[in-house]
Amino acid sequence: MTIHLEKNETGRYRQTIRIDQHSIFSDAAVALGGEDSAPDPHDFYDASLAACKAMTLLMYAQRKKIALTSVDIDIERDNSREGKGIYVLNVSLTLNGDLTDEQRQSLGVIADKCPIHKLMTSVSTEINTLVR
């Protein structure tokens, strides 16, 4: 899979991101000189965690025939110490459906096993940048 990004002419920092047949946009906050016309890269990073947790829970519940109907997730970012190597995401899950307390606890454990959670917390990522 290749992600292609190019400058979007409608803003100073606005970018068009193409992933297969999908197009999404990114921009910078006004305080950074952007127009805040789209999520910034940190937003996508954080949102990928929420999306992964929700999908992981729904797939798991379907396989295990657990009556989970939907998942609502709120993420609060604390990037005040990012420059020191500490980036905190506080995740709040709302599990909707006719669930027992035991199922809720089990689903909480499963949420932390989503692939993006693992990438963010226990995988060493190598990035190789080629300048053309």
C-alpha atoms as a PDB file:
ATOM      1  CA  MET A   1       0.000   0.000   0.000  1.00  0.00           C
ATOM      2  CA  THR A   2       1.212   3.480  -0.842  1.00  0.00           C
ATOM      3  CA  ILE A   3      -0.044   6.705   0.632  1.00  0.00           C
ATOM      4  CA  HIS A   4       0.422   9.717  -1.623  1.00  0.00           C
ATOM      5  CA  LEU A   5       0.430  13.238  -0.224  1.00  0.00           C
ATOM      6  CA  GLU A   6       0.639  16.476  -2.163  1.00  0.00           C
ATOM      7  CA  LYS A   7       0.169  20.160  -1.457  1.00  0.00           C
ATOM      8  CA  ASN A   8      -3.420  21.304  -1.852  1.00  0.00           C
ATOM      9  CA  GLU A   9      -3.644  24.712  -3.497  1.00  0.00           C
ATOM     10  CA  THR A  10      -6.497  25.912  -1.277  1.00  0.00           C
ATOM     11  CA  GLY A  11      -4.349  26.671   1.762  1.00  0.00           C
ATOM     12  CA  ARG A  12      -0.850  27.498   2.970  1.00  0.00           C
ATOM     13  CA  TYR A  13      -0.290  24.107   4.647  1.00  0.00           C
ATOM     14  CA  ARG A  14      -3.333  22.116   3.491  1.00  0.00           C
ATOM     15  CA  GLN A  15      -2.427  18.701   2.098  1.00  0.00           C
ATOM     16  CA  THR A  16      -4.352  16.159   0.043  1.00  0.00           C
ATOM     17  CA  ILE A  17      -3.727  12.612   1.170  1.00  0.00           C
ATOM     18  CA  ARG A  18      -4.646   9.759  -1.161  1.00  0.00           C
ATOM     19  CA  ILE A  19      -4.986   6.242   0.201  1.00  0.00           C
ATOM     20  CA  ASP A  20      -6.120   3.841  -2.524  1.00  0.00           C
ATOM     21  CA  GLN A  21      -9.420   5.317  -3.809  1.00  0.00           C
ATOM     22  CA  HIS A  22      -9.895   7.602  -0.779  1.00  0.00           C
ATOM     23  CA  SER A  23      -8.914  11.250  -0.406  1.00  0.00           C
ATOM     24  CA  ILE A  24      -8.623  13.033   2.914  1.00  0.00           C
ATOM     25  CA  PHE A  25      -7.121  16.372   3.870  1.00  0.00           C
ATOM     26  CA  SER A  26      -4.813  17.699   6.533  1.00  0.00           C
ATOM     27  CA  ASP A  27      -4.016  21.247   7.628  1.00  0.00           C
ATOM     28  CA  ALA A  28      -2.326  23.124  10.437  1.00  0.00           C
ATOM     29  CA  ALA A  29      -3.965  25.159  13.176  1.00  0.00           C
ATOM     30  CA  VAL A  30      -4.372  28.903  12.730  1.00  0.00           C
ATOM     31  CA  ALA A  31      -1.855  29.445  15.547  1.00  0.00           C
ATOM     32  CA  LEU A  32       0.727  27.634  13.383  1.00  0.00           C
ATOM     33  CA  GLY A  33      -0.099  29.601  10.230  1.00  0.00           C
ATOM     34  CA  GLY A  34      -2.631  27.208   8.736  1.00  0.00           C
ATOM     35  CA  GLU A  35      -6.337  27.689   8.134  1.00  0.00           C
ATOM     36  CA  ASP A  36      -7.498  24.813  10.373  1.00  0.00           C
ATOM     37  CA  SER A  37      -9.532  23.529   7.412  1.00  0.00           C
ATOM     38  CA  ALA A  38      -8.888  19.862   8.201  1.00  0.00           C
ATOM     39  CA  PRO A  39      -7.457  17.687  10.966  1.00  0.00           C
ATOM     40  CA  ASP A  40      -3.758  18.063  11.692  1.00  0.00           C
ATOM     41  CA  PRO A  41      -1.396  15.056  11.619  1.00  0.00           C
ATOM     42  CA  HIS A  42      -1.660  14.560  15.398  1.00  0.00           C
ATOM     43  CA  ASP A  43      -5.445  14.291  15.007  1.00  0.00           C
ATOM     44  CA  PHE A  44      -5.050  11.484  12.472  1.00  0.00           C
ATOM     45  CA  TYR A  45      -2.599   9.681  14.750  1.00  0.00           C
ATOM     46  CA  ASP A  46      -5.013   9.864  17.681  1.00  0.00           C
ATOM     47  CA  ALA A  47      -8.068   9.050  15.549  1.00  0.00           C
ATOM     48  CA  SER A  48      -6.394   5.933  14.165  1.00  0.00           C
ATOM     49  CA  LEU A  49      -6.274   4.596  17.722  1.00  0.00           C
ATOM     50  CA  ALA A  50      -9.977   5.264  18.269  1.00  0.00           C
ATOM     51  CA  ALA A  51     -10.987   3.704  14.946  1.00  0.00           C
ATOM     52  CA  CYS A  52      -8.842   0.633  15.553  1.00  0.00           C
ATOM     53  CA  LYS A  53     -10.190   0.089  19.067  1.00  0.00           C
ATOM     54  CA  ALA A  54     -13.810   0.402  17.881  1.00  0.00           C
ATOM     55  CA  MET A  55     -13.354  -1.960  14.933  1.00  0.00           C
ATOM     56  CA  THR A  56     -11.418  -4.470  17.029  1.00  0.00           C
ATOM     57  CA  LEU A  57     -14.166  -4.513  19.652  1.00  0.00           C
ATOM     58  CA  LEU A  58     -16.972  -4.855  17.120  1.00  0.00           C
ATOM     59  CA  MET A  59     -15.207  -7.690  15.271  1.00  0.00           C
ATOM     60  CA  TYR A  60     -14.405  -9.500  18.523  1.00  0.00           C
ATOM     61  CA  ALA A  61     -17.981  -9.122  19.797  1.00  0.00           C
ATOM     62  CA  GLN A  62     -19.379 -10.433  16.531  1.00  0.00           C
ATOM     63  CA  ARG A  63     -17.084 -13.493  16.642  1.00  0.00           C
ATOM     64  CA  LYS A  64     -17.924 -14.193  20.286  1.00  0.00           C
ATOM     65  CA  LYS A  65     -21.635 -13.415  19.814  1.00  0.00           C
ATOM     66  CA  ILE A  66     -21.520 -10.609  22.397  1.00  0.00           C
ATOM     67  CA  ALA A  67     -24.414  -8.131  22.139  1.00  0.00           C
ATOM     68  CA  LEU A  68     -22.192  -5.090  21.526  1.00  0.00           C
ATOM     69  CA  THR A  69     -24.154  -2.785  19.206  1.00  0.00           C
ATOM     70  CA  SER A  70     -21.727   0.140  18.940  1.00  0.00           C
ATOM     71  CA  VAL A  71     -18.710   1.756  20.559  1.00  0.00           C
ATOM     72  CA  ASP A  72     -18.313   5.459  21.299  1.00  0.00           C
ATOM     73  CA  ILE A  73     -14.784   6.633  22.003  1.00  0.00           C
ATOM     74  CA  ASP A  74     -13.488   9.925  23.322  1.00  0.00           C
ATOM     75  CA  ILE A  75      -9.769  10.634  23.306  1.00  0.00           C
ATOM     76  CA  GLU A  76      -8.228  13.482  25.252  1.00  0.00           C
ATOM     77  CA  ARG A  77      -4.711  14.359  24.159  1.00  0.00           C
ATOM     78  CA  ASP A  78      -2.067  15.683  26.525  1.00  0.00           C
ATOM     79  CA  ASN A  79       0.890  16.646  24.383  1.00  0.00           C
ATOM     80  CA  SER A  80       2.281  19.155  26.874  1.00  0.00           C
ATOM     81  CA  ARG A  81       5.387  16.970  27.354  1.00  0.00           C
ATOM     82  CA  GLU A  82       5.730  15.742  23.774  1.00  0.00           C
ATOM     83  CA  GLY A  83       9.065  17.543  23.467  1.00  0.00           C
ATOM     84  CA  LYS A  84      10.324  15.391  26.348  1.00  0.00           C
ATOM     85  CA  GLY A  85       9.156  12.183  24.666  1.00  0.00           C
ATOM     86  CA  ILE A  86       5.882  11.790  26.552  1.00  0.00           C
ATOM     87  CA  TYR A  87       2.602  11.813  24.606  1.00  0.00           C
ATOM     88  CA  VAL A  88      -0.496  10.858  26.597  1.00  0.00           C
ATOM     89  CA  LEU A  89      -3.815   9.724  25.134  1.00  0.00           C
ATOM     90  CA  ASN A  90      -6.625   9.246  27.641  1.00  0.00           C
ATOM     91  CA  VAL A  91      -9.229   6.962  26.091  1.00  0.00           C
ATOM     92  CA  SER A  92     -12.813   6.696  27.296  1.00  0.00           C
ATOM     93  CA  LEU A  93     -14.908   3.837  25.883  1.00  0.00           C
ATOM     94  CA  THR A  94     -18.687   3.724  25.925  1.00  0.00           C
ATOM     95  CA  LEU A  95     -19.825   0.203  25.111  1.00  0.00           C
ATOM     96  CA  ASN A  96     -23.426   0.109  23.892  1.00  0.00           C
ATOM     97  CA  GLY A  97     -25.553  -3.017  24.049  1.00  0.00           C
ATOM     98  CA  ASP A  98     -26.984  -5.475  26.521  1.00  0.00           C
ATOM     99  CA  LEU A  99     -23.671  -6.418  28.156  1.00  0.00           C
ATOM    100  CA  THR A 100     -22.788  -8.027  31.458  1.00  0.00           C
ATOM    101  CA  ASP A 101     -20.137  -6.507  33.720  1.00  0.00           C
ATOM    102  CA  GLU A 102     -17.884  -9.435  32.845  1.00  0.00           C
ATOM    103  CA  GLN A 103     -18.287  -8.764  29.102  1.00  0.00           C
ATOM    104  CA  ARG A 104     -17.514  -5.072  29.645  1.00  0.00           C
ATOM    105  CA  GLN A 105     -14.315  -5.924  31.494  1.00  0.00           C
ATOM    106  CA  SER A 106     -13.325  -8.441  28.826  1.00  0.00           C
ATOM    107  CA  LEU A 107     -13.953  -5.917  26.056  1.00  0.00           C
ATOM    108  CA  GLY A 108     -11.813  -3.357  27.905  1.00  0.00           C
ATOM    109  CA  VAL A 109      -8.908  -5.787  27.791  1.00  0.00           C
ATOM    110  CA  ILE A 110      -9.509  -6.532  24.106  1.00  0.00           C
ATOM    111  CA  ALA A 111      -9.557  -2.799  23.270  1.00  0.00           C
ATOM    112  CA  ASP A 112      -5.934  -2.529  24.377  1.00  0.00           C
ATOM    113  CA  LYS A 113      -4.995  -5.347  21.998  1.00  0.00           C
ATOM    114  CA  CYS A 114      -5.919  -3.518  18.815  1.00  0.00           C
ATOM    115  CA  PRO A 115      -3.052  -3.361  16.280  1.00  0.00           C
ATOM    116  CA  ILE A 116      -2.680   0.438  16.419  1.00  0.00           C
ATOM    117  CA  HIS A 117      -2.483   0.393  20.229  1.00  0.00           C
ATOM    118  CA  LYS A 118       0.307  -2.181  19.916  1.00  0.00           C
ATOM    119  CA  LEU A 119       2.091  -0.096  17.263  1.00  0.00           C
ATOM    120  CA  MET A 120       1.950   2.970  19.475  1.00  0.00           C
ATOM    121  CA  THR A 121       3.137   1.247  22.635  1.00  0.00           C
ATOM    122  CA  SER A 122       5.248  -1.817  21.934  1.00  0.00           C
ATOM    123  CA  VAL A 123       6.702  -1.722  18.423  1.00  0.00           C
ATOM    124  CA  SER A 124       9.870  -0.058  17.264  1.00  0.00           C
ATOM    125  CA  THR A 125       9.135   1.821  14.047  1.00  0.00           C
ATOM    126  CA  GLU A 126      11.823   2.481  11.469  1.00  0.00           C
ATOM    127  CA  ILE A 127      11.306   5.327   9.024  1.00  0.00           C
ATOM    128  CA  ASN A 128      13.488   5.546   5.933  1.00  0.00           C
ATOM    129  CA  THR A 129      13.211   8.879   4.116  1.00  0.00           C
ATOM    130  CA  LEU A 130      14.394   9.148   0.504  1.00  0.00           C
ATOM    131  CA  VAL A 131      14.779  12.674  -0.864  1.00  0.00           C
ATOM    132  CA  ARG A 132      14.381  12.969  -4.659  1.00  0.00           C
END
